[in-house]
Amino acid sequence: MNIKVLGPGCMNCVKVESTVREVVGELSIPADVEKVTDFNRWAKYRILGTPGLVINDKVVCAARIPSKAEVTTWIIDALEQEEREARAA
């Protein structure tokens, strides 16, 4: 699983990254969590505000700080999607 936190490195971005890392740790899943502060790298996701959260190359949230419950749901949904794709292959 690949997770990106998009933004210039502000406190809101730090909060989102912290929440993501906490959820990944609690779920004990292998995930690459990347903080993307380079505008040219995160501009391709076409978010209108930061922080942005991208899971497996899909924007799940932008321009707000999601709750821990939301992040948990999105990560579990992405895990289930990965499992469905693996079974179909």
PDB file of N, CA and C in Angstrom:
ATOM      1  N   MET A   1       0.846  -1.168   0.000  1.00  0.00           N
ATOM      2  CA  MET A   1       0.000   0.000   0.000  1.00  0.00           C
ATOM      3  C   MET A   1       0.892   1.231   0.000  1.00  0.00           C
ATOM      4  N   ASN A   2       0.492   2.204  -0.807  1.00  0.00           N
ATOM      5  CA  ASN A   2       1.236   3.451  -0.904  1.00  0.00           C
ATOM      6  C   ASN A   2       0.325   4.594  -0.470  1.00  0.00           C
ATOM      7  N   ILE A   3       0.781   5.364   0.505  1.00  0.00           N
ATOM      8  CA  ILE A   3      -0.002   6.480   1.019  1.00  0.00           C
ATOM      9  C   ILE A   3       0.842   7.743   0.922  1.00  0.00           C
ATOM     10  N   LYS A   4       0.239   8.799   0.372  1.00  0.00           N
ATOM     11  CA  LYS A   4       0.934  10.080   0.255  1.00  0.00           C
ATOM     12  C   LYS A   4       0.131  11.161   0.961  1.00  0.00           C
ATOM     13  N   VAL A   5       0.848  11.984   1.725  1.00  0.00           N
ATOM     14  CA  VAL A   5       0.267  13.181   2.311  1.00  0.00           C
ATOM     15  C   VAL A   5       0.817  14.344   1.491  1.00  0.00           C
ATOM     16  N   LEU A   6      -0.080  15.084   0.854  1.00  0.00           N
ATOM     17  CA  LEU A   6       0.315  16.162  -0.049  1.00  0.00           C
ATOM     18  C   LEU A   6       0.170  17.512   0.626  1.00  0.00           C
ATOM     19  N   GLY A   7       1.170  18.365   0.459  1.00  0.00           N
ATOM     20  CA  GLY A   7       1.095  19.716   0.990  1.00  0.00           C
ATOM     21  C   GLY A   7       2.461  20.309   1.214  1.00  0.00           C
ATOM     22  N   PRO A   8       2.487  21.588   1.575  1.00  0.00           N
ATOM     23  CA  PRO A   8       3.753  22.297   1.701  1.00  0.00           C
ATOM     24  C   PRO A   8       4.531  21.985   2.978  1.00  0.00           C
ATOM     25  N   GLY A   9       3.952  21.213   3.876  1.00  0.00           N
ATOM     26  CA  GLY A   9       4.642  20.890   5.119  1.00  0.00           C
ATOM     27  C   GLY A   9       4.098  21.656   6.305  1.00  0.00           C
ATOM     28  N   CYS A  10       2.897  22.188   6.178  1.00  0.00           N
ATOM     29  CA  CYS A  10       2.266  22.967   7.250  1.00  0.00           C
ATOM     30  C   CYS A  10       1.854  22.054   8.409  1.00  0.00           C
ATOM     31  N   MET A  11       1.371  22.657   9.476  1.00  0.00           N
ATOM     32  CA  MET A  11       0.958  21.883  10.649  1.00  0.00           C
ATOM     33  C   MET A  11      -0.203  20.937  10.329  1.00  0.00           C
ATOM     34  N   ASN A  12      -1.105  21.354   9.445  1.00  0.00           N
ATOM     35  CA  ASN A  12      -2.213  20.472   9.070  1.00  0.00           C
ATOM     36  C   ASN A  12      -1.710  19.229   8.359  1.00  0.00           C
ATOM     37  N   CYS A  13      -0.708  19.395   7.507  1.00  0.00           N
ATOM     38  CA  CYS A  13      -0.103  18.254   6.817  1.00  0.00           C
ATOM     39  C   CYS A  13       0.554  17.315   7.821  1.00  0.00           C
ATOM     40  N   VAL A  14       1.221  17.890   8.799  1.00  0.00           N
ATOM     41  CA  VAL A  14       1.876  17.096   9.837  1.00  0.00           C
ATOM     42  C   VAL A  14       0.840  16.293  10.622  1.00  0.00           C
ATOM     43  N   LYS A  15      -0.313  16.911  10.918  1.00  0.00           N
ATOM     44  CA  LYS A  15      -1.374  16.208  11.641  1.00  0.00           C
ATOM     45  C   LYS A  15      -1.898  15.029  10.840  1.00  0.00           C
ATOM     46  N   VAL A  16      -2.117  15.239   9.548  1.00  0.00           N
ATOM     47  CA  VAL A  16      -2.627  14.158   8.704  1.00  0.00           C
ATOM     48  C   VAL A  16      -1.609  13.023   8.628  1.00  0.00           C
ATOM     49  N   GLU A  17      -0.357  13.367   8.429  1.00  0.00           N
ATOM     50  CA  GLU A  17       0.685  12.334   8.377  1.00  0.00           C
ATOM     51  C   GLU A  17       0.739  11.545   9.682  1.00  0.00           C
ATOM     52  N   SER A  18       0.653  12.239  10.799  1.00  0.00           N
ATOM     53  CA  SER A  18       0.688  11.578  12.101  1.00  0.00           C
ATOM     54  C   SER A  18      -0.480  10.617  12.264  1.00  0.00           C
ATOM     55  N   THR A  19      -1.665  11.039  11.863  1.00  0.00           N
ATOM     56  CA  THR A  19      -2.844  10.180  11.951  1.00  0.00           C
ATOM     57  C   THR A  19      -2.679   8.949  11.071  1.00  0.00           C
ATOM     58  N   VAL A  20      -2.197   9.147   9.855  1.00  0.00           N
ATOM     59  CA  VAL A  20      -1.988   8.023   8.932  1.00  0.00           C
ATOM     60  C   VAL A  20      -1.007   7.026   9.536  1.00  0.00           C
ATOM     61  N   ARG A  21       0.107   7.508  10.045  1.00  0.00           N
ATOM     62  CA  ARG A  21       1.113   6.603  10.624  1.00  0.00           C
ATOM     63  C   ARG A  21       0.558   5.860  11.841  1.00  0.00           C
ATOM     64  N   GLU A  22      -0.259   6.544  12.626  1.00  0.00           N
ATOM     65  CA  GLU A  22      -0.879   5.913  13.794  1.00  0.00           C
ATOM     66  C   GLU A  22      -1.811   4.772  13.353  1.00  0.00           C
ATOM     67  N   VAL A  23      -2.644   5.028  12.362  1.00  0.00           N
ATOM     68  CA  VAL A  23      -3.577   4.008  11.874  1.00  0.00           C
ATOM     69  C   VAL A  23      -2.828   2.833  11.261  1.00  0.00           C
ATOM     70  N   VAL A  24      -1.829   3.113  10.448  1.00  0.00           N
ATOM     71  CA  VAL A  24      -1.033   2.044   9.833  1.00  0.00           C
ATOM     72  C   VAL A  24      -0.399   1.178  10.923  1.00  0.00           C
ATOM     73  N   GLY A  25       0.115   1.814  11.961  1.00  0.00           N
ATOM     74  CA  GLY A  25       0.706   1.069  13.068  1.00  0.00           C
ATOM     75  C   GLY A  25      -0.302   0.223  13.822  1.00  0.00           C
ATOM     76  N   GLU A  26      -1.468   0.792  14.085  1.00  0.00           N
ATOM     77  CA  GLU A  26      -2.505   0.057  14.805  1.00  0.00           C
ATOM     78  C   GLU A  26      -3.017  -1.139  14.003  1.00  0.00           C
ATOM     79  N   LEU A  27      -3.104  -0.975  12.683  1.00  0.00           N
ATOM     80  CA  LEU A  27      -3.575  -2.069  11.832  1.00  0.00           C
ATOM     81  C   LEU A  27      -2.470  -3.075  11.510  1.00  0.00           C
ATOM     82  N   SER A  28      -1.232  -2.724  11.837  1.00  0.00           N
ATOM     83  CA  SER A  28      -0.066  -3.577  11.564  1.00  0.00           C
ATOM     84  C   SER A  28      -0.018  -4.022  10.110  1.00  0.00           C
ATOM     85  N   ILE A  29      -0.093  -3.046   9.210  1.00  0.00           N
ATOM     86  CA  ILE A  29      -0.057  -3.351   7.784  1.00  0.00           C
ATOM     87  C   ILE A  29       1.208  -2.774   7.167  1.00  0.00           C
ATOM     88  N   PRO A  30       1.700  -3.428   6.121  1.00  0.00           N
ATOM     89  CA  PRO A  30       2.845  -2.852   5.420  1.00  0.00           C
ATOM     90  C   PRO A  30       2.358  -1.714   4.526  1.00  0.00           C
ATOM     91  N   ALA A  31       2.916  -0.542   4.724  1.00  0.00           N
ATOM     92  CA  ALA A  31       2.523   0.608   3.912  1.00  0.00           C
ATOM     93  C   ALA A  31       3.694   1.570   3.813  1.00  0.00           C
ATOM     94  N   ASP A  32       3.849   2.149   2.638  1.00  0.00           N
ATOM     95  CA  ASP A  32       4.817   3.211   2.436  1.00  0.00           C
ATOM     96  C   ASP A  32       4.075   4.523   2.619  1.00  0.00           C
ATOM     97  N   VAL A  33       4.435   5.272   3.652  1.00  0.00           N
ATOM     98  CA  VAL A  33       3.814   6.566   3.905  1.00  0.00           C
ATOM     99  C   VAL A  33       4.816   7.632   3.500  1.00  0.00           C
ATOM    100  N   GLU A  34       4.409   8.468   2.563  1.00  0.00           N
ATOM    101  CA  GLU A  34       5.306   9.484   2.012  1.00  0.00           C
ATOM    102  C   GLU A  34       4.692  10.867   2.183  1.00  0.00           C
ATOM    103  N   LYS A  35       5.493  11.797   2.647  1.00  0.00           N
ATOM    104  CA  LYS A  35       5.080  13.188   2.751  1.00  0.00           C
ATOM    105  C   LYS A  35       5.607  13.900   1.501  1.00  0.00           C
ATOM    106  N   VAL A  36       4.702  14.411   0.670  1.00  0.00           N
ATOM    107  CA  VAL A  36       5.080  15.040  -0.593  1.00  0.00           C
ATOM    108  C   VAL A  36       4.914  16.547  -0.456  1.00  0.00           C
ATOM    109  N   THR A  37       6.043  17.250  -0.350  1.00  0.00           N
ATOM    110  CA  THR A  37       5.997  18.701  -0.179  1.00  0.00           C
ATOM    111  C   THR A  37       6.324  19.460  -1.461  1.00  0.00           C
ATOM    112  N   ASP A  38       6.810  18.759  -2.462  1.00  0.00           N
ATOM    113  CA  ASP A  38       7.156  19.380  -3.740  1.00  0.00           C
ATOM    114  C   ASP A  38       5.877  19.624  -4.549  1.00  0.00           C
ATOM    115  N   PHE A  39       5.546  20.891  -4.772  1.00  0.00           N
ATOM    116  CA  PHE A  39       4.324  21.249  -5.488  1.00  0.00           C
ATOM    117  C   PHE A  39       4.215  20.544  -6.833  1.00  0.00           C
ATOM    118  N   ASN A  40       5.305  20.445  -7.554  1.00  0.00           N
ATOM    119  CA  ASN A  40       5.272  19.812  -8.876  1.00  0.00           C
ATOM    120  C   ASN A  40       4.874  18.339  -8.803  1.00  0.00           C
ATOM    121  N   ARG A  41       5.190  17.687  -7.699  1.00  0.00           N
ATOM    122  CA  ARG A  41       4.815  16.272  -7.539  1.00  0.00           C
ATOM    123  C   ARG A  41       3.363  16.111  -7.131  1.00  0.00           C
ATOM    124  N   TRP A  42       2.863  16.996  -6.262  1.00  0.00           N
ATOM    125  CA  TRP A  42       1.479  16.798  -5.822  1.00  0.00           C
ATOM    126  C   TRP A  42       0.464  17.547  -6.667  1.00  0.00           C
ATOM    127  N   ALA A  43       0.917  18.440  -7.552  1.00  0.00           N
ATOM    128  CA  ALA A  43      -0.009  19.173  -8.423  1.00  0.00           C
ATOM    129  C   ALA A  43      -0.745  18.242  -9.382  1.00  0.00           C
ATOM    130  N   LYS A  44      -0.123  17.123  -9.733  1.00  0.00           N
ATOM    131  CA  LYS A  44      -0.758  16.197 -10.677  1.00  0.00           C
ATOM    132  C   LYS A  44      -2.055  15.606 -10.129  1.00  0.00           C
ATOM    133  N   TYR A  45      -2.255  15.666  -8.813  1.00  0.00           N
ATOM    134  CA  TYR A  45      -3.478  15.128  -8.220  1.00  0.00           C
ATOM    135  C   TYR A  45      -4.640  16.125  -8.269  1.00  0.00           C
ATOM    136  N   ARG A  46      -4.343  17.350  -8.686  1.00  0.00           N
ATOM    137  CA  ARG A  46      -5.361  18.392  -8.910  1.00  0.00           C
ATOM    138  C   ARG A  46      -6.245  18.663  -7.703  1.00  0.00           C
ATOM    139  N   ILE A  47      -5.637  18.692  -6.530  1.00  0.00           N
ATOM    140  CA  ILE A  47      -6.405  19.059  -5.343  1.00  0.00           C
ATOM    141  C   ILE A  47      -6.456  20.577  -5.263  1.00  0.00           C
ATOM    142  N   LEU A  48      -7.549  21.103  -4.728  1.00  0.00           N
ATOM    143  CA  LEU A  48      -7.722  22.554  -4.654  1.00  0.00           C
ATOM    144  C   LEU A  48      -7.193  23.143  -3.360  1.00  0.00           C
ATOM    145  N   GLY A  49      -6.926  22.307  -2.381  1.00  0.00           N
ATOM    146  CA  GLY A  49      -6.373  22.783  -1.119  1.00  0.00           C
ATOM    147  C   GLY A  49      -5.634  21.669  -0.428  1.00  0.00           C
ATOM    148  N   THR A  50      -4.766  22.057   0.480  1.00  0.00           N
ATOM    149  CA  THR A  50      -3.997  21.068   1.235  1.00  0.00           C
ATOM    150  C   THR A  50      -4.483  21.073   2.681  1.00  0.00           C
ATOM    151  N   PRO A  51      -4.222  20.014   3.407  1.00  0.00           N
ATOM    152  CA  PRO A  51      -3.493  18.817   3.005  1.00  0.00           C
ATOM    153  C   PRO A  51      -4.334  17.907   2.124  1.00  0.00           C
ATOM    154  N   GLY A  52      -3.620  17.102   1.354  1.00  0.00           N
ATOM    155  CA  GLY A  52      -4.275  16.089   0.543  1.00  0.00           C
ATOM    156  C   GLY A  52      -3.832  14.720   1.009  1.00  0.00           C
ATOM    157  N   LEU A  53      -4.697  13.741   0.837  1.00  0.00           N
ATOM    158  CA  LEU A  53      -4.361  12.379   1.218  1.00  0.00           C
ATOM    159  C   LEU A  53      -4.664  11.457   0.036  1.00  0.00           C
ATOM    160  N   VAL A  54      -3.642  10.705  -0.373  1.00  0.00           N
ATOM    161  CA  VAL A  54      -3.751   9.817  -1.522  1.00  0.00           C
ATOM    162  C   VAL A  54      -3.402   8.407  -1.065  1.00  0.00           C
ATOM    163  N   ILE A  55      -4.300   7.468  -1.349  1.00  0.00           N
ATOM    164  CA  ILE A  55      -4.056   6.069  -1.003  1.00  0.00           C
ATOM    165  C   ILE A  55      -4.092   5.262  -2.288  1.00  0.00           C
ATOM    166  N   ASN A  56      -2.984   4.567  -2.551  1.00  0.00           N
ATOM    167  CA  ASN A  56      -2.845   3.772  -3.784  1.00  0.00           C
ATOM    168  C   ASN A  56      -3.208   4.597  -5.011  1.00  0.00           C
ATOM    169  N   ASP A  57      -2.684   5.802  -5.056  1.00  0.00           N
ATOM    170  CA  ASP A  57      -2.818   6.729  -6.179  1.00  0.00           C
ATOM    171  C   ASP A  57      -4.235   7.274  -6.380  1.00  0.00           C
ATOM    172  N   LYS A  58      -5.080   7.171  -5.368  1.00  0.00           N
ATOM    173  CA  LYS A  58      -6.435   7.715  -5.422  1.00  0.00           C
ATOM    174  C   LYS A  58      -6.588   8.781  -4.335  1.00  0.00           C
ATOM    175  N   VAL A  59      -6.996   9.984  -4.724  1.00  0.00           N
ATOM    176  CA  VAL A  59      -7.229  11.055  -3.752  1.00  0.00           C
ATOM    177  C   VAL A  59      -8.459  10.693  -2.932  1.00  0.00           C
ATOM    178  N   VAL A  60      -8.285  10.604  -1.625  1.00  0.00           N
ATOM    179  CA  VAL A  60      -9.407  10.286  -0.748  1.00  0.00           C
ATOM    180  C   VAL A  60      -9.857  11.483   0.068  1.00  0.00           C
ATOM    181  N   CYS A  61      -9.001  12.503   0.160  1.00  0.00           N
ATOM    182  CA  CYS A  61      -9.349  13.674   0.952  1.00  0.00           C
ATOM    183  C   CYS A  61      -8.458  14.839   0.549  1.00  0.00           C
ATOM    184  N   ALA A  62      -9.047  16.049   0.567  1.00  0.00           N
ATOM    185  CA  ALA A  62      -8.254  17.246   0.273  1.00  0.00           C
ATOM    186  C   ALA A  62      -8.861  18.446   0.983  1.00  0.00           C
ATOM    187  N   ALA A  63      -8.001  19.367   1.342  1.00  0.00           N
ATOM    188  CA  ALA A  63      -8.376  20.665   1.904  1.00  0.00           C
ATOM    189  C   ALA A  63      -9.008  20.594   3.295  1.00  0.00           C
ATOM    190  N   ARG A  64      -8.749  19.502   4.009  1.00  0.00           N
ATOM    191  CA  ARG A  64      -9.234  19.405   5.393  1.00  0.00           C
ATOM    192  C   ARG A  64      -8.452  18.320   6.117  1.00  0.00           C
ATOM    193  N   ILE A  65      -8.603  18.296   7.426  1.00  0.00           N
ATOM    194  CA  ILE A  65      -7.960  17.275   8.246  1.00  0.00           C
ATOM    195  C   ILE A  65      -8.995  16.190   8.527  1.00  0.00           C
ATOM    196  N   PRO A  66      -8.806  15.002   7.978  1.00  0.00           N
ATOM    197  CA  PRO A  66      -9.776  13.933   8.216  1.00  0.00           C
ATOM    198  C   PRO A  66      -9.644  13.371   9.630  1.00  0.00           C
ATOM    199  N   SER A  67     -10.726  12.802  10.113  1.00  0.00           N
ATOM    200  CA  SER A  67     -10.692  12.165  11.429  1.00  0.00           C
ATOM    201  C   SER A  67      -9.922  10.849  11.340  1.00  0.00           C
ATOM    202  N   LYS A  68      -9.529  10.355  12.491  1.00  0.00           N
ATOM    203  CA  LYS A  68      -8.839   9.063  12.541  1.00  0.00           C
ATOM    204  C   LYS A  68      -9.761   7.959  12.020  1.00  0.00           C
ATOM    205  N   ALA A  69     -11.052   8.045  12.330  1.00  0.00           N
ATOM    206  CA  ALA A  69     -12.011   7.036  11.859  1.00  0.00           C
ATOM    207  C   ALA A  69     -12.099   7.046  10.337  1.00  0.00           C
ATOM    208  N   GLU A  70     -12.091   8.221   9.734  1.00  0.00           N
ATOM    209  CA  GLU A  70     -12.126   8.312   8.275  1.00  0.00           C
ATOM    210  C   GLU A  70     -10.887   7.676   7.669  1.00  0.00           C
ATOM    211  N   VAL A  71      -9.728   8.013   8.205  1.00  0.00           N
ATOM    212  CA  VAL A  71      -8.471   7.466   7.685  1.00  0.00           C
ATOM    213  C   VAL A  71      -8.475   5.944   7.807  1.00  0.00           C
ATOM    214  N   THR A  72      -8.933   5.446   8.936  1.00  0.00           N
ATOM    215  CA  THR A  72      -9.004   3.993   9.147  1.00  0.00           C
ATOM    216  C   THR A  72      -9.904   3.351   8.093  1.00  0.00           C
ATOM    217  N   THR A  73     -11.064   3.931   7.856  1.00  0.00           N
ATOM    218  CA  THR A  73     -12.002   3.397   6.861  1.00  0.00           C
ATOM    219  C   THR A  73     -11.383   3.386   5.472  1.00  0.00           C
ATOM    220  N   TRP A  74     -10.738   4.476   5.088  1.00  0.00           N
ATOM    221  CA  TRP A  74     -10.131   4.556   3.758  1.00  0.00           C
ATOM    222  C   TRP A  74      -9.023   3.526   3.580  1.00  0.00           C
ATOM    223  N   ILE A  75      -8.213   3.343   4.616  1.00  0.00           N
ATOM    224  CA  ILE A  75      -7.122   2.372   4.522  1.00  0.00           C
ATOM    225  C   ILE A  75      -7.677   0.945   4.441  1.00  0.00           C
ATOM    226  N   ILE A  76      -8.676   0.633   5.257  1.00  0.00           N
ATOM    227  CA  ILE A  76      -9.282  -0.703   5.211  1.00  0.00           C
ATOM    228  C   ILE A  76      -9.934  -0.938   3.853  1.00  0.00           C
ATOM    229  N   ASP A  77     -10.621   0.061   3.330  1.00  0.00           N
ATOM    230  CA  ASP A  77     -11.224  -0.065   1.995  1.00  0.00           C
ATOM    231  C   ASP A  77     -10.159  -0.344   0.931  1.00  0.00           C
ATOM    232  N   ALA A  78      -9.030   0.355   1.029  1.00  0.00           N
ATOM    233  CA  ALA A  78      -7.940   0.150   0.064  1.00  0.00           C
ATOM    234  C   ALA A  78      -7.350  -1.252   0.202  1.00  0.00           C
ATOM    235  N   LEU A  79      -7.229  -1.743   1.430  1.00  0.00           N
ATOM    236  CA  LEU A  79      -6.736  -3.109   1.645  1.00  0.00           C
ATOM    237  C   LEU A  79      -7.682  -4.126   1.019  1.00  0.00           C
ATOM    238  N   GLU A  80      -8.980  -3.920   1.219  1.00  0.00           N
ATOM    239  CA  GLU A  80      -9.963  -4.834   0.645  1.00  0.00           C
ATOM    240  C   GLU A  80      -9.920  -4.794  -0.880  1.00  0.00           C
ATOM    241  N   GLN A  81      -9.720  -3.610  -1.440  1.00  0.00           N
ATOM    242  CA  GLN A  81      -9.612  -3.483  -2.891  1.00  0.00           C
ATOM    243  C   GLN A  81      -8.382  -4.229  -3.405  1.00  0.00           C
ATOM    244  N   GLU A  82      -7.258  -4.099  -2.693  1.00  0.00           N
ATOM    245  CA  GLU A  82      -6.044  -4.820  -3.077  1.00  0.00           C
ATOM    246  C   GLU A  82      -6.282  -6.339  -3.053  1.00  0.00           C
ATOM    247  N   GLU A  83      -6.995  -6.808  -2.035  1.00  0.00           N
ATOM    248  CA  GLU A  83      -7.274  -8.250  -1.921  1.00  0.00           C
ATOM    249  C   GLU A  83      -8.165  -8.716  -3.072  1.00  0.00           C
ATOM    250  N   ARG A  84      -9.195  -7.924  -3.418  1.00  0.00           N
ATOM    251  CA  ARG A  84     -10.082  -8.289  -4.525  1.00  0.00           C
ATOM    252  C   ARG A  84      -9.298  -8.364  -5.842  1.00  0.00           C
ATOM    253  N   GLU A  85      -8.423  -7.396  -6.052  1.00  0.00           N
ATOM    254  CA  GLU A  85      -7.626  -7.378  -7.272  1.00  0.00           C
ATOM    255  C   GLU A  85      -6.666  -8.565  -7.327  1.00  0.00           C
ATOM    256  N   ALA A  86      -6.095  -8.908  -6.173  1.00  0.00           N
ATOM    257  CA  ALA A  86      -5.161 -10.048  -6.125  1.00  0.00           C
ATOM    258  C   ALA A  86      -5.886 -11.357  -6.428  1.00  0.00           C
ATOM    259  N   ARG A  87      -7.111 -11.515  -5.933  1.00  0.00           N
ATOM    260  CA  ARG A  87      -7.885 -12.732  -6.198  1.00  0.00           C
ATOM    261  C   ARG A  87      -8.313 -12.816  -7.657  1.00  0.00           C
ATOM    262  N   ALA A  88      -8.576 -11.669  -8.252  1.00  0.00           N
ATOM    263  CA  ALA A  88      -9.028 -11.639  -9.648  1.00  0.00           C
ATOM    264  C   ALA A  88      -7.894 -11.905 -10.629  1.00  0.00           C
ATOM    265  N   ALA A  89      -6.668 -11.671 -10.193  1.00  0.00           N
ATOM    266  CA  ALA A  89      -5.511 -11.822 -11.098  1.00  0.00           C
ATOM    267  C   ALA A  89      -5.130 -13.264 -11.302  1.00  0.00           C
TER     268      ALA A  89
END
